[in-house]
């Protein structure tokens, strides 16, 4: 449990350091109950943690992810919502994780968008019309989870796509 809490603490600090990493190379040592961790921030959103149990490198970027990074096709008439997208990855000797996500809108009809995704992704995981319209596809396995949600909100069709892939072994 302590290692998990230290890991969460380090992740929080890492997020802060990623923002600072754009200013050039910076090295900081953090003292934890589990031992010292040296954090090296490189220009361009990359941070490496050097600890007693090995190194972990985090990379992040903002902007629209590619379809390959998202793991599913983007609806052809969809427009990327600026500021909604990002990718991040973490890798070490124990494995790695990658995350990507973005939001899109379209002026096309909700049912048309849902029909297109049904052709591409098959039967949805969930469909709801209680508080508006929402359809979600989820593909989950041991090393990959991809989610596509199509909603009708405030007169717009919104498409939200996220992907988490990889594995970390203890």
N, C-alpha and C. Protein backbone atom coordinates (compact mmCIF):
# COMPACT_ATOMS: atom_id res chain seq x y z
N UNK A 1 0.83 -1.19 0.00
CA UNK A 1 0.00 0.00 0.00
C UNK A 1 0.87 1.25 0.00
N UNK A 2 1.97 1.21 0.79
CA UNK A 2 2.85 2.38 0.84
C UNK A 2 3.45 2.67 -0.52
N UNK A 3 3.85 1.61 -1.22
CA UNK A 3 4.44 1.82 -2.55
C UNK A 3 3.42 2.44 -3.50
N UNK A 4 2.16 2.03 -3.38
CA UNK A 4 1.11 2.61 -4.21
C UNK A 4 0.95 4.09 -3.91
N UNK A 5 0.93 4.47 -2.63
CA UNK A 5 0.79 5.88 -2.27
C UNK A 5 1.98 6.70 -2.75
N UNK A 6 3.18 6.13 -2.63
CA UNK A 6 4.37 6.82 -3.12
C UNK A 6 4.27 6.98 -4.63
N UNK A 7 3.82 5.94 -5.32
CA UNK A 7 3.66 6.01 -6.77
C UNK A 7 2.69 7.12 -7.16
N UNK A 8 1.55 7.22 -6.47
CA UNK A 8 0.57 8.27 -6.75
C UNK A 8 1.18 9.64 -6.49
N UNK A 9 1.91 9.78 -5.39
CA UNK A 9 2.57 11.05 -5.07
C UNK A 9 3.56 11.43 -6.17
N UNK A 10 4.33 10.47 -6.62
CA UNK A 10 5.31 10.73 -7.67
C UNK A 10 4.62 11.12 -8.97
N UNK A 11 3.50 10.46 -9.28
CA UNK A 11 2.76 10.82 -10.50
C UNK A 11 2.29 12.26 -10.45
N UNK A 12 1.81 12.70 -9.29
CA UNK A 12 1.37 14.08 -9.15
C UNK A 12 2.51 15.05 -9.36
N UNK A 13 3.64 14.74 -8.77
CA UNK A 13 4.81 15.60 -8.95
C UNK A 13 5.28 15.57 -10.39
N UNK A 14 5.18 14.41 -11.01
CA UNK A 14 5.60 14.28 -12.40
C UNK A 14 4.77 15.17 -13.30
N UNK A 15 3.47 15.20 -13.07
CA UNK A 15 2.61 16.05 -13.90
C UNK A 15 3.05 17.50 -13.82
N UNK A 16 3.39 17.94 -12.61
CA UNK A 16 3.88 19.31 -12.45
C UNK A 16 5.19 19.50 -13.18
N UNK A 17 6.07 18.55 -13.08
CA UNK A 17 7.38 18.67 -13.71
C UNK A 17 7.30 18.60 -15.23
N UNK A 18 6.30 17.89 -15.76
CA UNK A 18 6.15 17.84 -17.21
C UNK A 18 5.88 19.24 -17.75
N UNK A 19 5.07 19.99 -17.02
CA UNK A 19 4.80 21.36 -17.44
C UNK A 19 6.08 22.18 -17.42
N UNK A 20 6.88 21.97 -16.40
CA UNK A 20 8.13 22.72 -16.28
C UNK A 20 9.20 22.24 -17.26
N UNK A 21 9.03 21.01 -17.75
CA UNK A 21 10.06 20.42 -18.61
C UNK A 21 10.24 21.16 -19.92
N UNK A 22 9.25 21.89 -20.35
CA UNK A 22 9.35 22.63 -21.60
C UNK A 22 10.40 23.72 -21.55
N UNK A 23 10.91 24.03 -20.38
CA UNK A 23 11.87 25.13 -20.23
C UNK A 23 13.30 24.65 -20.29
N UNK A 24 13.57 23.45 -20.76
CA UNK A 24 14.92 22.93 -20.84
C UNK A 24 15.07 21.76 -19.89
N UNK A 25 16.30 21.33 -19.66
CA UNK A 25 16.55 20.18 -18.80
C UNK A 25 16.61 20.63 -17.35
N UNK A 26 15.93 19.87 -16.48
CA UNK A 26 15.90 20.19 -15.07
C UNK A 26 15.98 18.89 -14.29
N UNK A 27 16.81 18.84 -13.25
CA UNK A 27 16.93 17.66 -12.41
C UNK A 27 16.58 18.03 -10.98
N UNK A 28 15.72 17.20 -10.36
CA UNK A 28 15.29 17.42 -8.99
C UNK A 28 15.35 16.08 -8.26
N UNK A 29 15.77 16.09 -7.00
CA UNK A 29 15.76 14.88 -6.19
C UNK A 29 14.67 15.02 -5.14
N UNK A 30 13.81 13.99 -5.05
CA UNK A 30 12.71 13.97 -4.10
C UNK A 30 12.99 12.86 -3.10
N UNK A 31 12.94 13.19 -1.81
CA UNK A 31 13.15 12.20 -0.76
C UNK A 31 11.79 11.63 -0.35
N UNK A 32 11.67 10.29 -0.40
CA UNK A 32 10.44 9.61 0.00
C UNK A 32 10.79 8.57 1.05
N UNK A 33 9.79 8.07 1.80
CA UNK A 33 10.07 7.01 2.77
C UNK A 33 10.65 5.75 2.13
N UNK A 34 10.39 5.56 0.85
CA UNK A 34 10.88 4.38 0.13
C UNK A 34 12.27 4.60 -0.46
N UNK A 35 12.80 5.82 -0.36
CA UNK A 35 14.11 6.12 -0.93
C UNK A 35 14.05 7.37 -1.79
N UNK A 36 15.21 7.80 -2.25
CA UNK A 36 15.30 9.00 -3.09
C UNK A 36 14.89 8.69 -4.53
N UNK A 37 14.24 9.67 -5.15
CA UNK A 37 13.88 9.58 -6.56
C UNK A 37 14.41 10.82 -7.24
N UNK A 38 15.20 10.63 -8.29
CA UNK A 38 15.71 11.75 -9.07
C UNK A 38 14.85 11.90 -10.31
N UNK A 39 14.38 13.12 -10.54
CA UNK A 39 13.51 13.41 -11.66
C UNK A 39 14.27 14.28 -12.64
N UNK A 40 14.38 13.80 -13.89
CA UNK A 40 15.04 14.57 -14.93
C UNK A 40 14.00 14.96 -15.96
N UNK A 41 13.80 16.26 -16.13
CA UNK A 41 12.84 16.76 -17.11
C UNK A 41 13.57 17.23 -18.34
N UNK A 42 13.15 16.73 -19.48
CA UNK A 42 13.73 17.13 -20.75
C UNK A 42 12.78 18.08 -21.46
N UNK A 43 13.31 18.91 -22.30
CA UNK A 43 12.48 19.79 -23.10
C UNK A 43 11.56 18.95 -23.99
N UNK A 44 10.30 19.36 -24.09
CA UNK A 44 9.39 18.66 -24.98
C UNK A 44 8.46 17.69 -24.28
N UNK A 45 8.22 17.83 -22.98
CA UNK A 45 7.24 17.00 -22.30
C UNK A 45 7.70 15.62 -21.92
N UNK A 46 8.98 15.42 -21.68
CA UNK A 46 9.48 14.11 -21.27
C UNK A 46 10.13 14.23 -19.90
N UNK A 47 9.77 13.31 -19.00
CA UNK A 47 10.33 13.29 -17.65
C UNK A 47 10.76 11.87 -17.34
N UNK A 48 11.94 11.70 -16.75
CA UNK A 48 12.42 10.39 -16.34
C UNK A 48 12.62 10.39 -14.83
N UNK A 49 12.05 9.36 -14.16
CA UNK A 49 12.24 9.17 -12.73
C UNK A 49 13.30 8.09 -12.55
N UNK A 50 14.33 8.40 -11.78
CA UNK A 50 15.40 7.44 -11.49
C UNK A 50 15.27 7.06 -10.02
N UNK A 51 14.94 5.80 -9.74
CA UNK A 51 14.77 5.35 -8.36
C UNK A 51 15.52 4.06 -8.11
N UNK A 52 15.45 3.61 -6.86
CA UNK A 52 16.15 2.38 -6.47
C UNK A 52 15.62 1.16 -7.22
N UNK A 53 14.35 1.19 -7.62
CA UNK A 53 13.75 0.04 -8.31
C UNK A 53 13.80 0.17 -9.83
N UNK A 54 14.52 1.17 -10.34
CA UNK A 54 14.64 1.33 -11.78
C UNK A 54 14.18 2.70 -12.25
N UNK A 55 14.16 2.86 -13.55
CA UNK A 55 13.79 4.13 -14.17
C UNK A 55 12.41 4.02 -14.82
N UNK A 56 11.68 5.13 -14.79
CA UNK A 56 10.40 5.24 -15.49
C UNK A 56 10.43 6.53 -16.28
N UNK A 57 10.10 6.46 -17.57
CA UNK A 57 10.08 7.64 -18.42
C UNK A 57 8.63 7.95 -18.80
N UNK A 58 8.24 9.21 -18.60
CA UNK A 58 6.90 9.69 -18.96
C UNK A 58 7.04 10.65 -20.12
N UNK A 59 6.15 10.52 -21.10
CA UNK A 59 6.11 11.45 -22.23
C UNK A 59 4.66 11.90 -22.40
N UNK A 60 4.48 13.16 -22.76
CA UNK A 60 3.13 13.64 -23.02
C UNK A 60 3.15 14.66 -24.14
N UNK A 61 2.02 14.78 -24.80
CA UNK A 61 1.88 15.81 -25.83
C UNK A 61 0.42 16.23 -25.90
N UNK A 62 0.22 17.45 -26.30
CA UNK A 62 -1.12 17.97 -26.48
C UNK A 62 -1.42 18.02 -27.97
N UNK A 63 -2.67 18.15 -28.29
CA UNK A 63 -3.06 18.21 -29.69
C UNK A 63 -3.86 17.00 -30.07
N UNK A 64 -4.29 16.98 -31.31
CA UNK A 64 -5.14 15.89 -31.78
C UNK A 64 -4.33 14.61 -31.98
N UNK A 65 -4.72 13.53 -31.28
CA UNK A 65 -4.05 12.25 -31.51
C UNK A 65 -4.40 11.70 -32.89
N UNK A 66 -3.55 10.84 -33.40
CA UNK A 66 -3.83 10.17 -34.67
C UNK A 66 -4.83 9.04 -34.44
N UNK A 67 -5.43 8.55 -35.52
CA UNK A 67 -6.33 7.40 -35.40
C UNK A 67 -5.58 6.19 -34.84
N UNK A 68 -4.32 6.06 -35.21
CA UNK A 68 -3.51 4.95 -34.69
C UNK A 68 -3.36 5.07 -33.18
N UNK A 69 -3.11 6.27 -32.69
CA UNK A 69 -2.97 6.47 -31.24
C UNK A 69 -4.30 6.24 -30.52
N UNK A 70 -5.42 6.60 -31.16
CA UNK A 70 -6.74 6.41 -30.57
C UNK A 70 -7.22 4.97 -30.67
N UNK A 71 -6.74 4.24 -31.66
CA UNK A 71 -7.10 2.84 -31.80
C UNK A 71 -8.43 2.58 -32.49
N UNK A 72 -9.12 3.63 -32.92
CA UNK A 72 -10.38 3.50 -33.64
C UNK A 72 -10.47 4.61 -34.69
N UNK A 73 -11.31 4.42 -35.70
CA UNK A 73 -11.45 5.49 -36.70
C UNK A 73 -12.23 6.68 -36.14
N UNK A 74 -11.91 7.85 -36.66
CA UNK A 74 -12.64 9.06 -36.31
C UNK A 74 -13.70 9.28 -37.40
N UNK A 75 -14.90 9.61 -36.99
CA UNK A 75 -16.01 9.84 -37.93
C UNK A 75 -15.56 10.85 -38.99
N UNK A 76 -15.80 10.56 -40.29
CA UNK A 76 -15.25 11.37 -41.37
C UNK A 76 -15.59 12.86 -41.33
N UNK A 77 -16.81 13.23 -40.93
CA UNK A 77 -17.18 14.65 -40.91
C UNK A 77 -17.00 15.28 -39.54
N UNK A 78 -16.27 14.62 -38.66
CA UNK A 78 -16.06 15.16 -37.31
C UNK A 78 -14.97 16.23 -37.32
N UNK A 79 -15.16 17.23 -36.47
CA UNK A 79 -14.17 18.28 -36.29
C UNK A 79 -13.58 18.16 -34.90
N UNK A 80 -12.27 18.18 -34.82
CA UNK A 80 -11.56 18.10 -33.55
C UNK A 80 -11.90 19.32 -32.68
N UNK A 81 -12.17 19.09 -31.39
CA UNK A 81 -12.41 20.18 -30.45
C UNK A 81 -11.05 20.63 -29.92
N UNK A 82 -10.61 21.84 -30.28
CA UNK A 82 -9.29 22.31 -29.85
C UNK A 82 -9.12 22.23 -28.33
N UNK A 83 -7.95 21.74 -27.92
CA UNK A 83 -7.63 21.63 -26.50
C UNK A 83 -8.15 20.38 -25.83
N UNK A 84 -8.88 19.53 -26.54
CA UNK A 84 -9.46 18.34 -25.92
C UNK A 84 -8.57 17.11 -26.03
N UNK A 85 -7.56 17.14 -26.86
CA UNK A 85 -6.78 15.94 -27.13
C UNK A 85 -5.44 15.92 -26.44
N UNK A 86 -4.98 14.71 -26.16
CA UNK A 86 -3.64 14.54 -25.63
C UNK A 86 -3.23 13.08 -25.72
N UNK A 87 -1.94 12.86 -25.62
CA UNK A 87 -1.39 11.51 -25.51
C UNK A 87 -0.37 11.52 -24.39
N UNK A 88 -0.21 10.39 -23.74
CA UNK A 88 0.79 10.26 -22.69
C UNK A 88 1.24 8.81 -22.64
N UNK A 89 2.48 8.61 -22.24
CA UNK A 89 2.98 7.24 -22.09
C UNK A 89 3.98 7.19 -20.96
N UNK A 90 4.08 6.01 -20.36
CA UNK A 90 5.04 5.76 -19.30
C UNK A 90 5.66 4.40 -19.57
N UNK A 91 6.97 4.31 -19.49
CA UNK A 91 7.63 3.05 -19.75
C UNK A 91 8.76 2.78 -18.78
N UNK A 92 8.92 1.51 -18.43
CA UNK A 92 10.01 1.09 -17.55
C UNK A 92 10.34 -0.36 -17.89
N UNK A 93 11.27 -0.94 -17.14
CA UNK A 93 11.63 -2.34 -17.36
C UNK A 93 10.45 -3.26 -17.05
N UNK A 94 9.51 -2.81 -16.21
CA UNK A 94 8.36 -3.62 -15.82
C UNK A 94 7.22 -3.56 -16.84
N UNK A 95 7.32 -2.70 -17.82
CA UNK A 95 6.27 -2.59 -18.83
C UNK A 95 6.00 -1.15 -19.18
N UNK A 96 4.87 -0.90 -19.79
CA UNK A 96 4.55 0.46 -20.18
C UNK A 96 3.06 0.66 -20.36
N UNK A 97 2.64 1.91 -20.27
CA UNK A 97 1.25 2.29 -20.48
C UNK A 97 1.21 3.45 -21.47
N UNK A 98 0.16 3.50 -22.26
CA UNK A 98 -0.05 4.62 -23.18
C UNK A 98 -1.51 5.02 -23.10
N UNK A 99 -1.77 6.32 -23.11
CA UNK A 99 -3.12 6.86 -23.03
C UNK A 99 -3.29 7.89 -24.14
N UNK A 100 -4.44 7.87 -24.79
CA UNK A 100 -4.76 8.89 -25.81
C UNK A 100 -6.24 9.20 -25.71
N UNK A 101 -6.60 10.43 -26.01
CA UNK A 101 -8.00 10.80 -25.98
C UNK A 101 -8.25 12.10 -26.70
N UNK A 102 -9.49 12.27 -27.17
CA UNK A 102 -9.87 13.51 -27.86
C UNK A 102 -11.39 13.59 -27.96
N UNK A 103 -11.87 14.81 -28.20
CA UNK A 103 -13.28 15.05 -28.44
C UNK A 103 -13.46 15.66 -29.82
N UNK A 104 -14.58 15.31 -30.44
CA UNK A 104 -14.92 15.80 -31.77
C UNK A 104 -16.39 16.21 -31.78
N UNK A 105 -16.76 17.10 -32.70
CA UNK A 105 -18.16 17.43 -32.92
C UNK A 105 -18.46 17.27 -34.41
N UNK A 106 -19.74 17.12 -34.70
CA UNK A 106 -20.17 17.08 -36.09
C UNK A 106 -21.56 17.66 -36.20
N UNK A 107 -21.85 18.22 -37.34
CA UNK A 107 -23.19 18.75 -37.60
C UNK A 107 -24.10 17.67 -38.17
N UNK A 108 -23.54 16.50 -38.43
CA UNK A 108 -24.33 15.40 -38.96
C UNK A 108 -25.31 14.90 -37.89
N UNK A 109 -26.33 14.20 -38.34
CA UNK A 109 -27.37 13.67 -37.47
C UNK A 109 -26.80 12.61 -36.52
N UNK A 110 -27.28 12.62 -35.27
CA UNK A 110 -26.85 11.67 -34.25
C UNK A 110 -26.99 10.23 -34.75
N UNK A 111 -28.15 9.89 -35.30
CA UNK A 111 -28.40 8.52 -35.75
C UNK A 111 -27.45 8.12 -36.88
N UNK A 112 -27.08 9.07 -37.73
CA UNK A 112 -26.13 8.81 -38.82
C UNK A 112 -24.75 8.47 -38.26
N UNK A 113 -24.32 9.22 -37.25
CA UNK A 113 -23.01 8.98 -36.63
C UNK A 113 -23.01 7.63 -35.92
N UNK A 114 -24.07 7.34 -35.17
CA UNK A 114 -24.17 6.05 -34.46
C UNK A 114 -24.17 4.90 -35.47
N UNK A 115 -24.90 5.05 -36.55
CA UNK A 115 -24.95 4.01 -37.58
C UNK A 115 -23.56 3.76 -38.17
N UNK A 116 -22.80 4.82 -38.42
CA UNK A 116 -21.44 4.70 -38.97
C UNK A 116 -20.54 3.93 -38.00
N UNK A 117 -20.61 4.28 -36.70
CA UNK A 117 -19.79 3.57 -35.73
C UNK A 117 -20.24 2.13 -35.54
N UNK A 118 -21.53 1.85 -35.66
CA UNK A 118 -22.00 0.46 -35.58
C UNK A 118 -21.40 -0.37 -36.71
N UNK A 119 -21.27 0.22 -37.90
CA UNK A 119 -20.65 -0.49 -39.02
C UNK A 119 -19.17 -0.74 -38.75
N UNK A 120 -18.50 0.21 -38.09
CA UNK A 120 -17.06 0.09 -37.84
C UNK A 120 -16.73 -0.73 -36.60
N UNK A 121 -17.56 -0.59 -35.54
CA UNK A 121 -17.22 -1.17 -34.24
C UNK A 121 -18.17 -2.26 -33.77
N UNK A 122 -19.27 -2.47 -34.48
CA UNK A 122 -20.22 -3.49 -34.07
C UNK A 122 -21.24 -2.97 -33.08
N UNK A 123 -21.85 -3.90 -32.38
CA UNK A 123 -22.91 -3.58 -31.43
C UNK A 123 -22.35 -2.75 -30.27
N UNK A 124 -23.05 -1.67 -29.89
CA UNK A 124 -22.55 -0.84 -28.79
C UNK A 124 -22.67 -1.54 -27.43
N UNK A 125 -21.85 -1.11 -26.51
CA UNK A 125 -21.85 -1.59 -25.14
C UNK A 125 -23.11 -1.09 -24.42
N UNK A 126 -23.51 0.17 -24.72
CA UNK A 126 -24.63 0.78 -24.04
C UNK A 126 -25.30 1.83 -24.94
N UNK A 127 -26.63 1.86 -24.91
CA UNK A 127 -27.39 2.91 -25.59
C UNK A 127 -28.42 3.45 -24.61
N UNK A 128 -28.53 4.78 -24.54
CA UNK A 128 -29.46 5.41 -23.61
C UNK A 128 -30.12 6.61 -24.26
N UNK A 129 -31.40 6.77 -23.97
CA UNK A 129 -32.12 7.96 -24.44
C UNK A 129 -32.84 8.64 -23.28
N UNK A 130 -32.53 8.26 -22.03
CA UNK A 130 -33.20 8.82 -20.86
C UNK A 130 -32.99 10.33 -20.74
N UNK A 131 -31.77 10.77 -20.62
CA UNK A 131 -31.44 12.19 -20.45
C UNK A 131 -30.71 12.70 -21.68
N UNK A 132 -31.31 12.55 -22.82
CA UNK A 132 -30.62 12.88 -24.06
C UNK A 132 -30.21 11.59 -24.73
N UNK A 133 -29.44 11.69 -25.76
CA UNK A 133 -29.02 10.51 -26.50
C UNK A 133 -27.55 10.22 -26.20
N UNK A 134 -27.25 8.94 -25.95
CA UNK A 134 -25.87 8.53 -25.70
C UNK A 134 -25.68 7.08 -26.10
N UNK A 135 -24.63 6.83 -26.86
CA UNK A 135 -24.27 5.47 -27.26
C UNK A 135 -22.78 5.29 -27.00
N UNK A 136 -22.43 4.18 -26.36
CA UNK A 136 -21.03 3.93 -26.00
C UNK A 136 -20.59 2.55 -26.47
N UNK A 137 -19.41 2.51 -27.06
CA UNK A 137 -18.73 1.26 -27.41
C UNK A 137 -17.54 1.13 -26.49
N UNK A 138 -17.32 -0.06 -25.96
CA UNK A 138 -16.14 -0.30 -25.14
C UNK A 138 -15.54 -1.64 -25.53
N UNK A 139 -14.26 -1.60 -25.81
CA UNK A 139 -13.52 -2.82 -26.12
C UNK A 139 -12.44 -2.93 -25.06
N UNK A 140 -12.58 -3.91 -24.18
CA UNK A 140 -11.63 -4.03 -23.08
C UNK A 140 -11.01 -5.43 -23.07
N UNK A 141 -9.70 -5.44 -22.94
CA UNK A 141 -8.97 -6.69 -22.77
C UNK A 141 -7.93 -6.45 -21.68
N UNK A 142 -7.08 -7.42 -21.46
CA UNK A 142 -6.09 -7.31 -20.40
C UNK A 142 -5.13 -6.15 -20.62
N UNK A 143 -4.79 -5.86 -21.87
CA UNK A 143 -3.79 -4.83 -22.15
C UNK A 143 -4.32 -3.66 -22.98
N UNK A 144 -5.64 -3.60 -23.22
CA UNK A 144 -6.17 -2.54 -24.06
C UNK A 144 -7.62 -2.24 -23.70
N UNK A 145 -7.93 -0.97 -23.50
CA UNK A 145 -9.30 -0.52 -23.34
C UNK A 145 -9.52 0.67 -24.25
N UNK A 146 -10.49 0.55 -25.14
CA UNK A 146 -10.85 1.63 -26.04
C UNK A 146 -12.32 1.95 -25.84
N UNK A 147 -12.64 3.24 -25.74
CA UNK A 147 -14.01 3.67 -25.53
C UNK A 147 -14.37 4.76 -26.54
N UNK A 148 -15.53 4.62 -27.15
CA UNK A 148 -16.08 5.65 -28.04
C UNK A 148 -17.48 5.96 -27.51
N UNK A 149 -17.74 7.23 -27.24
CA UNK A 149 -19.06 7.66 -26.78
C UNK A 149 -19.58 8.74 -27.71
N UNK A 150 -20.79 8.54 -28.22
CA UNK A 150 -21.45 9.52 -29.07
C UNK A 150 -22.65 10.05 -28.29
N UNK A 151 -22.73 11.37 -28.13
CA UNK A 151 -23.84 11.97 -27.40
C UNK A 151 -24.44 13.11 -28.22
N UNK A 152 -25.67 13.45 -27.86
CA UNK A 152 -26.32 14.62 -28.43
C UNK A 152 -26.50 15.60 -27.29
N UNK A 153 -25.76 16.72 -27.33
CA UNK A 153 -25.76 17.70 -26.25
C UNK A 153 -25.90 19.10 -26.82
N UNK A 154 -26.82 19.86 -26.29
CA UNK A 154 -26.98 21.27 -26.67
C UNK A 154 -27.04 21.46 -28.18
N UNK A 155 -27.75 20.59 -28.86
CA UNK A 155 -27.91 20.72 -30.30
C UNK A 155 -26.73 20.25 -31.12
N UNK A 156 -25.73 19.61 -30.48
CA UNK A 156 -24.54 19.13 -31.19
C UNK A 156 -24.34 17.64 -30.93
N UNK A 157 -23.76 16.99 -31.91
CA UNK A 157 -23.33 15.61 -31.73
C UNK A 157 -21.87 15.65 -31.29
N UNK A 158 -21.58 15.06 -30.13
CA UNK A 158 -20.22 15.00 -29.59
C UNK A 158 -19.72 13.56 -29.69
N UNK A 159 -18.45 13.41 -30.03
CA UNK A 159 -17.80 12.11 -30.12
C UNK A 159 -16.58 12.17 -29.21
N UNK A 160 -16.54 11.28 -28.20
CA UNK A 160 -15.40 11.23 -27.28
C UNK A 160 -14.72 9.87 -27.44
N UNK A 161 -13.42 9.91 -27.66
CA UNK A 161 -12.66 8.68 -27.89
C UNK A 161 -11.51 8.63 -26.89
N UNK A 162 -11.32 7.47 -26.26
CA UNK A 162 -10.17 7.30 -25.36
C UNK A 162 -9.61 5.89 -25.51
N UNK A 163 -8.32 5.78 -25.25
CA UNK A 163 -7.63 4.49 -25.35
C UNK A 163 -6.57 4.41 -24.26
N UNK A 164 -6.53 3.28 -23.57
CA UNK A 164 -5.48 2.98 -22.60
C UNK A 164 -4.91 1.63 -23.00
N UNK A 165 -3.59 1.56 -23.19
CA UNK A 165 -2.98 0.30 -23.60
C UNK A 165 -1.69 0.06 -22.84
N UNK A 166 -1.33 -1.20 -22.74
CA UNK A 166 -0.08 -1.58 -22.11
C UNK A 166 -0.30 -2.36 -20.83
N UNK A 167 0.81 -2.68 -20.21
CA UNK A 167 0.76 -3.46 -18.97
C UNK A 167 2.00 -3.13 -18.14
N UNK A 168 1.81 -3.12 -16.83
CA UNK A 168 2.93 -2.95 -15.91
C UNK A 168 2.92 -4.16 -14.99
N UNK A 169 4.03 -4.87 -14.93
CA UNK A 169 4.13 -6.04 -14.06
C UNK A 169 4.84 -5.65 -12.78
N UNK A 170 4.39 -6.19 -11.64
CA UNK A 170 5.02 -5.84 -10.35
C UNK A 170 6.44 -6.35 -10.24
